Amino acid sequence: MVTISGYLMDRETGSPVPFVVVMINGSQTSSDINGAFSISVMPGSYQLKIRSSGHRPITQDLDATTDQILTLHLSRKIILPEGF
């Protein structure tokens, strides 16, 4: 097994982004209060997907042949009031 772990950070503030869904081909976890996450998968090529209600989604190709530690910066969604 290969462990893909990392930290999710807000691109604007540099603060950790907690409780974000992190998916790799059927395996799923959430970032903790410090923005940290960890998923174990079999070695191979995958797509890492990050989903958060307040941030833009991220999809990143990942070659998981060895353990990896990633730092991903999430951009905030711009939400306009109705009528704009």
N, C-alpha and C. Protein backbone atom coordinates (compact mmCIF):
# COMPACT_ATOMS: atom_id res chain seq x y z
N MET A 1 0.84 -1.19 0.00
CA MET A 1 0.00 0.00 0.00
C MET A 1 0.88 1.25 0.00
N VAL A 2 0.34 2.31 -0.57
CA VAL A 2 1.00 3.60 -0.64
C VAL A 2 0.12 4.60 0.10
N THR A 3 0.73 5.46 0.91
CA THR A 3 -0.05 6.45 1.64
C THR A 3 0.13 7.81 0.99
N ILE A 4 -1.00 8.41 0.65
CA ILE A 4 -1.04 9.77 0.11
C ILE A 4 -1.60 10.64 1.24
N SER A 5 -0.78 11.54 1.72
CA SER A 5 -1.23 12.41 2.80
C SER A 5 -0.89 13.85 2.43
N GLY A 6 -1.44 14.77 3.18
CA GLY A 6 -1.13 16.16 2.88
C GLY A 6 -1.95 17.13 3.69
N TYR A 7 -1.86 18.37 3.24
CA TYR A 7 -2.52 19.48 3.93
C TYR A 7 -3.28 20.31 2.91
N LEU A 8 -4.47 20.74 3.28
CA LEU A 8 -5.28 21.62 2.45
C LEU A 8 -5.25 23.00 3.06
N MET A 9 -4.81 23.97 2.26
CA MET A 9 -4.64 25.34 2.75
C MET A 9 -5.46 26.30 1.89
N ASP A 10 -5.98 27.35 2.51
CA ASP A 10 -6.70 28.40 1.79
C ASP A 10 -5.67 29.24 1.04
N ARG A 11 -5.86 29.41 -0.26
CA ARG A 11 -4.89 30.14 -1.09
C ARG A 11 -4.74 31.60 -0.65
N GLU A 12 -5.83 32.22 -0.20
CA GLU A 12 -5.79 33.64 0.16
C GLU A 12 -5.18 33.89 1.53
N THR A 13 -5.56 33.08 2.50
CA THR A 13 -5.16 33.34 3.89
C THR A 13 -4.01 32.47 4.38
N GLY A 14 -3.79 31.33 3.70
CA GLY A 14 -2.78 30.39 4.16
C GLY A 14 -3.24 29.54 5.33
N SER A 15 -4.50 29.71 5.73
CA SER A 15 -5.06 28.94 6.85
C SER A 15 -5.43 27.53 6.42
N PRO A 16 -5.39 26.57 7.35
CA PRO A 16 -5.84 25.21 7.03
C PRO A 16 -7.32 25.21 6.67
N VAL A 17 -7.72 24.30 5.79
CA VAL A 17 -9.12 24.16 5.41
C VAL A 17 -9.61 22.81 5.95
N PRO A 18 -10.39 22.83 7.04
CA PRO A 18 -10.86 21.58 7.64
C PRO A 18 -12.12 21.02 6.97
N PHE A 19 -12.36 19.74 7.19
CA PHE A 19 -13.60 19.06 6.83
C PHE A 19 -13.90 19.09 5.33
N VAL A 20 -12.86 18.92 4.52
CA VAL A 20 -12.98 18.89 3.07
C VAL A 20 -12.92 17.44 2.61
N VAL A 21 -13.76 17.07 1.65
CA VAL A 21 -13.78 15.71 1.12
C VAL A 21 -12.60 15.51 0.16
N VAL A 22 -11.82 14.46 0.41
CA VAL A 22 -10.67 14.08 -0.42
C VAL A 22 -10.94 12.67 -0.95
N MET A 23 -10.91 12.51 -2.28
CA MET A 23 -11.22 11.22 -2.90
C MET A 23 -10.10 10.79 -3.84
N ILE A 24 -9.79 9.51 -3.80
CA ILE A 24 -8.89 8.89 -4.77
C ILE A 24 -9.55 7.61 -5.22
N ASN A 25 -10.07 7.60 -6.45
CA ASN A 25 -10.68 6.41 -7.08
C ASN A 25 -11.45 5.51 -6.11
N GLY A 26 -12.48 6.02 -5.52
CA GLY A 26 -13.34 5.21 -4.67
C GLY A 26 -13.00 5.26 -3.20
N SER A 27 -11.78 5.60 -2.84
CA SER A 27 -11.42 5.78 -1.43
C SER A 27 -11.69 7.24 -1.07
N GLN A 28 -12.23 7.46 0.12
CA GLN A 28 -12.60 8.81 0.51
C GLN A 28 -12.29 9.07 1.97
N THR A 29 -11.89 10.30 2.26
CA THR A 29 -11.65 10.73 3.63
C THR A 29 -11.97 12.22 3.71
N SER A 30 -11.80 12.81 4.87
CA SER A 30 -11.98 14.25 5.05
C SER A 30 -10.76 14.81 5.73
N SER A 31 -10.48 16.08 5.44
CA SER A 31 -9.38 16.74 6.15
C SER A 31 -9.81 17.01 7.59
N ASP A 32 -8.85 16.99 8.50
CA ASP A 32 -9.16 17.23 9.91
C ASP A 32 -9.15 18.73 10.21
N ILE A 33 -9.26 19.09 11.46
CA ILE A 33 -9.32 20.48 11.88
C ILE A 33 -8.10 21.28 11.44
N ASN A 34 -6.96 20.60 11.21
CA ASN A 34 -5.72 21.24 10.77
C ASN A 34 -5.53 21.18 9.26
N GLY A 35 -6.56 20.72 8.52
CA GLY A 35 -6.46 20.61 7.07
C GLY A 35 -5.69 19.38 6.61
N ALA A 36 -5.34 18.48 7.52
CA ALA A 36 -4.55 17.30 7.18
C ALA A 36 -5.45 16.14 6.73
N PHE A 37 -4.93 15.34 5.78
CA PHE A 37 -5.66 14.16 5.33
C PHE A 37 -4.66 13.04 5.03
N SER A 38 -5.17 11.81 4.94
CA SER A 38 -4.34 10.66 4.62
C SER A 38 -5.22 9.56 4.03
N ILE A 39 -4.79 9.00 2.91
CA ILE A 39 -5.49 7.88 2.26
C ILE A 39 -4.44 6.86 1.83
N SER A 40 -4.73 5.58 2.04
CA SER A 40 -3.85 4.51 1.56
C SER A 40 -4.50 3.83 0.36
N VAL A 41 -3.71 3.64 -0.69
CA VAL A 41 -4.17 3.00 -1.92
C VAL A 41 -3.10 2.04 -2.42
N MET A 42 -3.49 1.17 -3.32
CA MET A 42 -2.51 0.32 -3.99
C MET A 42 -1.69 1.18 -4.95
N PRO A 43 -0.43 0.85 -5.20
CA PRO A 43 0.36 1.62 -6.16
C PRO A 43 -0.33 1.68 -7.52
N GLY A 44 -0.27 2.84 -8.15
CA GLY A 44 -0.89 3.01 -9.46
C GLY A 44 -1.11 4.47 -9.80
N SER A 45 -1.80 4.71 -10.90
CA SER A 45 -2.12 6.06 -11.34
C SER A 45 -3.57 6.36 -10.98
N TYR A 46 -3.79 7.52 -10.39
CA TYR A 46 -5.12 7.88 -9.89
C TYR A 46 -5.42 9.34 -10.19
N GLN A 47 -6.69 9.70 -9.93
CA GLN A 47 -7.07 11.10 -9.89
C GLN A 47 -7.44 11.43 -8.45
N LEU A 48 -6.80 12.45 -7.94
CA LEU A 48 -7.10 12.98 -6.61
C LEU A 48 -8.14 14.07 -6.79
N LYS A 49 -9.25 13.98 -6.06
CA LYS A 49 -10.32 14.98 -6.17
C LYS A 49 -10.59 15.57 -4.80
N ILE A 50 -10.65 16.90 -4.77
CA ILE A 50 -10.91 17.65 -3.55
C ILE A 50 -12.22 18.39 -3.74
N ARG A 51 -13.15 18.26 -2.79
CA ARG A 51 -14.45 18.92 -2.87
C ARG A 51 -14.74 19.62 -1.55
N SER A 52 -15.08 20.92 -1.67
CA SER A 52 -15.41 21.73 -0.51
C SER A 52 -16.52 22.70 -0.91
N SER A 53 -17.49 22.93 -0.03
CA SER A 53 -18.60 23.81 -0.38
C SER A 53 -18.16 25.25 -0.57
N GLY A 54 -17.12 25.71 0.11
CA GLY A 54 -16.70 27.09 0.02
C GLY A 54 -15.51 27.35 -0.89
N HIS A 55 -14.97 26.28 -1.52
CA HIS A 55 -13.78 26.41 -2.35
C HIS A 55 -14.01 25.74 -3.70
N ARG A 56 -13.23 26.14 -4.67
CA ARG A 56 -13.31 25.52 -5.99
C ARG A 56 -12.77 24.09 -5.92
N PRO A 57 -13.39 23.17 -6.66
CA PRO A 57 -12.90 21.78 -6.65
C PRO A 57 -11.53 21.67 -7.31
N ILE A 58 -10.78 20.67 -6.90
CA ILE A 58 -9.47 20.37 -7.49
C ILE A 58 -9.50 18.93 -7.98
N THR A 59 -9.01 18.71 -9.18
CA THR A 59 -8.77 17.36 -9.70
C THR A 59 -7.33 17.34 -10.18
N GLN A 60 -6.56 16.38 -9.65
CA GLN A 60 -5.14 16.31 -9.97
C GLN A 60 -4.74 14.88 -10.25
N ASP A 61 -4.04 14.66 -11.37
CA ASP A 61 -3.51 13.32 -11.66
C ASP A 61 -2.39 13.02 -10.68
N LEU A 62 -2.33 11.76 -10.27
CA LEU A 62 -1.39 11.37 -9.24
C LEU A 62 -0.79 10.02 -9.58
N ASP A 63 0.53 9.94 -9.61
CA ASP A 63 1.24 8.68 -9.82
C ASP A 63 1.69 8.19 -8.45
N ALA A 64 0.93 7.27 -7.88
CA ALA A 64 1.15 6.82 -6.52
C ALA A 64 2.02 5.56 -6.51
N THR A 65 3.33 5.77 -6.61
CA THR A 65 4.25 4.63 -6.56
C THR A 65 4.98 4.56 -5.23
N THR A 66 5.06 5.71 -4.54
CA THR A 66 5.67 5.77 -3.20
C THR A 66 4.81 6.68 -2.33
N ASP A 67 5.01 6.62 -1.02
CA ASP A 67 4.29 7.51 -0.11
C ASP A 67 4.55 8.96 -0.52
N GLN A 68 3.51 9.78 -0.41
CA GLN A 68 3.64 11.18 -0.80
C GLN A 68 2.98 12.08 0.23
N ILE A 69 3.56 13.26 0.40
CA ILE A 69 2.96 14.30 1.24
C ILE A 69 2.76 15.52 0.34
N LEU A 70 1.50 15.94 0.21
CA LEU A 70 1.14 17.04 -0.68
C LEU A 70 0.68 18.24 0.13
N THR A 71 0.88 19.42 -0.41
CA THR A 71 0.25 20.63 0.11
C THR A 71 -0.54 21.22 -1.04
N LEU A 72 -1.86 21.30 -0.86
CA LEU A 72 -2.74 21.80 -1.90
C LEU A 72 -3.39 23.09 -1.43
N HIS A 73 -3.42 24.09 -2.31
CA HIS A 73 -4.00 25.39 -1.98
C HIS A 73 -5.35 25.53 -2.68
N LEU A 74 -6.39 25.73 -1.90
CA LEU A 74 -7.74 25.84 -2.43
C LEU A 74 -8.13 27.30 -2.61
N SER A 75 -8.73 27.60 -3.78
CA SER A 75 -9.23 28.95 -4.07
C SER A 75 -10.69 29.02 -3.65
N ARG A 76 -11.06 30.13 -3.07
CA ARG A 76 -12.44 30.31 -2.63
C ARG A 76 -13.37 30.50 -3.83
N LYS A 77 -14.61 29.99 -3.69
CA LYS A 77 -15.65 30.24 -4.68
C LYS A 77 -16.16 31.66 -4.46
N ILE A 78 -16.49 32.31 -5.55
CA ILE A 78 -17.13 33.61 -5.45
C ILE A 78 -18.63 33.37 -5.54
N ILE A 79 -19.33 33.73 -4.48
CA ILE A 79 -20.77 33.53 -4.41
C ILE A 79 -21.43 34.90 -4.43
N LEU A 80 -22.20 35.16 -5.49
CA LEU A 80 -22.88 36.44 -5.62
C LEU A 80 -24.31 36.33 -5.11
N PRO A 81 -24.82 37.41 -4.52
CA PRO A 81 -26.21 37.40 -4.08
C PRO A 81 -27.14 37.24 -5.29
N GLU A 82 -28.36 36.77 -5.04
CA GLU A 82 -29.33 36.61 -6.13
C GLU A 82 -29.54 37.92 -6.84
N GLY A 83 -29.72 37.87 -8.14
CA GLY A 83 -29.96 39.05 -8.93
C GLY A 83 -28.72 39.60 -9.61
N PHE A 84 -27.56 39.04 -9.32
CA PHE A 84 -26.33 39.50 -9.99
C PHE A 84 -25.99 38.62 -11.14
